[in-house]
Amino acid sequence: MVGGVRDGLPIEDATPRSLWARLIAGQVTQVCLLGPESWVYDYLPRTLGLDVVPADAYVYGRYGVLRPHSERAEIARALAAEPRWLAIGGLPYWVEPFARRAEAILIPETKGPDPTRRSVSMFFRKVPRALFELHDEQEWEALEADPVFAASAYIFDALANWELRSVKDTLMRDFLLRGFPAKTFMVSSQRLAELRAIRAK
């Protein structure tokens, strides 16, 4: 099972119930959402009273110049230090700083098929494996020194393919479930209904 088992329960079911209750009561002020997901823009920022911090808004700097990953990671760390946010993103350099500080992490459940061995192989021919195995800033700095990686255009080309995007989503889901099991929620249709119901309160 993705995410493994803790205390005899699937990790996605082992989060404290009190934390979910606090979340739907609007008492959680730092939320990380593995995305982008369109449904979050419809109501979640308003119901939780949090400002959206989407990764896409920081991909380009002034005059439309692509920011390197190191700069975007620095921006993420600075924004994660703020007291209130709903951070949305899908790549490690953006998600990890927010995940570490978040009170709750949300992962929307998807109905797509699991990645195949072929799609995983394709993914890692286009995207450096190191991108999904980084744990500290020194590793990022070493990778950023690689001019091929810093250019990064091929990463976005790879993620434009839905099959390869599903590999990325699975890797990130594993990373969050294993790294932050006590505060990571898989958002099922039932939990999604509970989030939608916050509007009535």
Protein backbone atom coordinates (compact mmCIF):
# COMPACT_ATOMS: atom_id res chain seq x y z
CA MET A 1 0.00 0.00 0.00
CA VAL A 2 1.33 3.45 -0.88
CA GLY A 3 2.65 5.17 2.22
CA GLY A 4 3.08 2.01 4.29
CA VAL A 5 1.56 1.20 7.67
CA ARG A 6 1.87 2.85 11.09
CA ASP A 7 0.27 1.67 14.34
CA GLY A 8 -1.51 -1.05 12.42
CA LEU A 9 -3.28 1.43 10.15
CA PRO A 10 -2.59 2.61 6.60
CA ILE A 11 -0.60 5.81 7.02
CA GLU A 12 -3.26 7.90 5.30
CA ASP A 13 -5.73 6.76 7.99
CA ALA A 14 -3.34 7.27 10.92
CA THR A 15 -3.55 11.07 11.14
CA PRO A 16 -5.02 12.42 14.38
CA ARG A 17 -8.78 12.86 14.14
CA SER A 18 -8.50 16.00 16.24
CA LEU A 19 -6.33 17.61 13.56
CA TRP A 20 -8.95 16.99 10.87
CA ALA A 21 -11.62 18.40 13.20
CA ARG A 22 -9.50 21.51 13.73
CA LEU A 23 -9.00 21.84 9.98
CA ILE A 24 -12.69 21.79 9.11
CA ALA A 25 -13.36 24.13 12.04
CA GLY A 26 -11.06 26.69 10.41
CA GLN A 27 -8.49 26.49 13.22
CA VAL A 28 -5.53 25.45 11.05
CA THR A 29 -3.59 28.35 9.56
CA GLN A 30 -0.82 26.63 7.57
CA VAL A 31 -2.02 24.12 4.97
CA CYS A 32 -0.02 22.49 2.18
CA LEU A 33 -1.93 21.08 -0.79
CA LEU A 34 -0.30 18.75 -3.29
CA GLY A 35 -1.55 20.23 -6.53
CA PRO A 36 -2.41 22.09 -8.61
CA GLU A 37 -6.03 21.10 -8.19
CA SER A 38 -8.81 23.28 -9.59
CA TRP A 39 -11.25 22.56 -6.77
CA VAL A 40 -9.11 24.39 -4.23
CA TYR A 41 -9.66 27.73 -5.95
CA ASP A 42 -13.43 27.37 -5.79
CA TYR A 43 -13.89 27.61 -2.06
CA LEU A 44 -11.07 26.35 0.16
CA PRO A 45 -9.21 29.68 0.53
CA ARG A 46 -12.43 31.43 1.54
CA THR A 47 -13.62 28.72 3.91
CA LEU A 48 -10.29 28.43 5.68
CA GLY A 49 -9.62 32.16 5.53
CA LEU A 50 -6.14 31.62 4.12
CA ASP A 51 -4.22 33.27 1.30
CA VAL A 52 -3.32 30.97 -1.59
CA VAL A 53 0.41 30.64 -2.31
CA PRO A 54 0.59 28.81 -5.67
CA ALA A 55 3.91 27.58 -7.02
CA ASP A 56 2.94 28.65 -10.55
CA ALA A 57 2.92 32.31 -9.52
CA TYR A 58 6.66 32.20 -8.83
CA VAL A 59 7.96 30.28 -11.84
CA TYR A 60 8.86 33.49 -13.68
CA GLY A 61 10.45 36.66 -12.39
CA ARG A 62 10.58 40.14 -13.85
CA TYR A 63 10.19 40.45 -17.61
CA GLY A 64 9.08 36.82 -17.86
CA VAL A 65 12.51 35.38 -17.06
CA LEU A 66 12.39 31.80 -15.76
CA ARG A 67 13.54 31.67 -12.14
CA PRO A 68 16.04 28.89 -11.35
CA HIS A 69 14.93 26.22 -8.90
CA SER A 70 17.27 27.56 -6.23
CA GLU A 71 15.54 30.96 -6.30
CA ARG A 72 12.08 29.39 -6.18
CA ALA A 73 13.16 27.19 -3.26
CA GLU A 74 14.39 30.29 -1.42
CA ILE A 75 11.05 32.01 -2.07
CA ALA A 76 9.20 28.95 -0.76
CA ARG A 77 11.24 28.91 2.45
CA ALA A 78 10.55 32.60 3.03
CA LEU A 79 6.82 32.26 2.37
CA ALA A 80 6.58 29.15 4.57
CA ALA A 81 7.86 31.23 7.48
CA GLU A 82 4.72 33.40 7.28
CA PRO A 83 1.94 32.66 9.80
CA ARG A 84 -1.02 32.01 7.45
CA TRP A 85 -1.08 30.30 4.03
CA LEU A 86 -2.56 27.66 1.77
CA ALA A 87 0.43 26.54 -0.28
CA ILE A 88 -0.13 24.69 -3.56
CA GLY A 89 2.53 22.95 -5.61
CA GLY A 90 3.78 19.68 -6.97
CA LEU A 91 7.61 19.59 -7.05
CA PRO A 92 9.91 18.93 -4.08
CA TYR A 93 11.76 22.23 -4.04
CA TRP A 94 8.44 24.02 -3.49
CA VAL A 95 6.45 21.48 -1.48
CA GLU A 96 9.08 20.44 1.07
CA PRO A 97 9.54 23.80 2.88
CA PHE A 98 5.78 24.18 3.25
CA ALA A 99 5.25 20.53 4.21
CA ARG A 100 7.75 20.83 7.05
CA ARG A 101 5.99 23.86 8.54
CA ALA A 102 2.40 22.98 7.64
CA GLU A 103 -0.08 22.04 10.32
CA ALA A 104 -1.91 19.87 7.77
CA ILE A 105 -1.08 18.46 4.33
CA LEU A 106 -3.81 17.57 1.84
CA ILE A 107 -3.41 15.12 -1.04
CA PRO A 108 -6.43 14.83 -3.36
CA GLU A 109 -7.23 11.22 -4.19
CA THR A 110 -7.11 10.48 -7.90
CA LYS A 111 -8.86 7.77 -9.89
CA GLY A 112 -6.20 7.34 -12.54
CA PRO A 113 -4.23 4.11 -12.98
CA ASP A 114 -0.99 3.57 -11.09
CA PRO A 115 2.16 4.39 -13.06
CA THR A 116 3.51 1.53 -15.15
CA ARG A 117 7.13 0.38 -15.17
CA ARG A 118 7.41 1.91 -18.66
CA SER A 119 6.12 5.32 -17.54
CA VAL A 120 8.48 5.37 -14.55
CA SER A 121 11.40 4.58 -16.84
CA MET A 122 10.34 7.34 -19.25
CA PHE A 123 9.98 9.78 -16.38
CA PHE A 124 13.51 9.29 -15.11
CA ARG A 125 14.94 9.59 -18.61
CA LYS A 126 13.49 13.10 -18.74
CA VAL A 127 13.60 14.22 -15.10
CA PRO A 128 16.68 13.78 -12.90
CA ARG A 129 16.08 11.20 -10.18
CA ALA A 130 17.91 13.48 -7.76
CA LEU A 131 15.00 15.91 -8.01
CA PHE A 132 12.94 13.49 -5.94
CA GLU A 133 15.65 12.43 -3.50
CA LEU A 134 16.79 15.75 -2.06
CA HIS A 135 16.72 16.24 1.68
CA ASP A 136 18.71 19.37 2.45
CA GLU A 137 19.85 22.65 0.97
CA GLN A 138 23.41 21.48 0.24
CA GLU A 139 22.10 18.82 -2.13
CA TRP A 140 19.96 21.41 -3.90
CA GLU A 141 22.92 23.77 -4.26
CA ALA A 142 25.03 21.01 -5.79
CA LEU A 143 22.30 20.17 -8.27
CA GLU A 144 21.71 23.83 -9.12
CA ALA A 145 25.37 24.10 -10.10
CA ASP A 146 24.60 21.79 -13.02
CA PRO A 147 23.79 24.15 -15.93
CA VAL A 148 21.69 21.51 -17.68
CA PHE A 149 19.45 21.09 -14.65
CA ALA A 150 19.33 24.84 -14.01
CA ALA A 151 17.91 25.37 -17.51
CA SER A 152 15.11 22.99 -16.48
CA ALA A 153 12.98 23.33 -19.61
CA TYR A 154 13.01 19.57 -20.21
CA ILE A 155 11.41 19.00 -16.80
CA PHE A 156 8.37 21.01 -17.78
CA ASP A 157 8.21 19.22 -21.12
CA ALA A 158 8.12 15.89 -19.28
CA LEU A 159 5.39 16.97 -16.87
CA ALA A 160 3.18 18.11 -19.75
CA ASN A 161 2.62 14.41 -20.48
CA TRP A 162 -0.24 13.08 -18.30
CA GLU A 163 1.37 9.65 -17.94
CA LEU A 164 4.62 11.12 -16.69
CA ARG A 165 2.76 13.56 -14.48
CA SER A 166 1.11 10.60 -12.76
CA VAL A 167 4.58 9.27 -11.91
CA LYS A 168 5.51 12.61 -10.38
CA ASP A 169 2.27 12.72 -8.40
CA THR A 170 2.88 9.21 -7.05
CA LEU A 171 6.44 10.06 -6.02
CA MET A 172 5.29 13.19 -4.23
CA ARG A 173 2.41 11.36 -2.53
CA ASP A 174 4.87 8.74 -1.24
CA PHE A 175 7.25 11.45 -0.04
CA LEU A 176 4.56 13.24 1.96
CA LEU A 177 2.89 10.14 3.39
CA ARG A 178 6.17 8.66 4.53
CA GLY A 179 7.78 11.90 5.66
CA PHE A 180 4.85 13.54 7.42
CA PRO A 181 2.35 10.78 8.31
CA ALA A 182 0.94 12.48 11.40
CA LYS A 183 -0.42 15.45 9.47
CA THR A 184 -0.98 14.22 5.90
CA PHE A 185 -4.54 13.49 4.75
CA MET A 186 -5.64 11.72 1.60
CA VAL A 187 -8.70 13.76 0.58
CA SER A 188 -11.33 11.19 -0.36
CA SER A 189 -14.76 12.11 -1.68
CA GLN A 190 -16.06 11.96 1.90
CA ARG A 191 -13.40 14.30 3.19
CA LEU A 192 -13.92 16.56 0.19
CA ALA A 193 -17.62 16.81 1.13
CA GLU A 194 -16.61 17.77 4.66
CA LEU A 195 -14.35 20.50 3.33
CA ARG A 196 -17.14 21.81 1.11
CA ALA A 197 -19.50 21.86 4.09
CA ILE A 198 -17.34 24.39 5.89
CA ARG A 199 -19.12 27.09 3.88
CA ALA A 200 -22.30 26.48 5.84
CA LYS A 201 -20.66 27.26 9.18
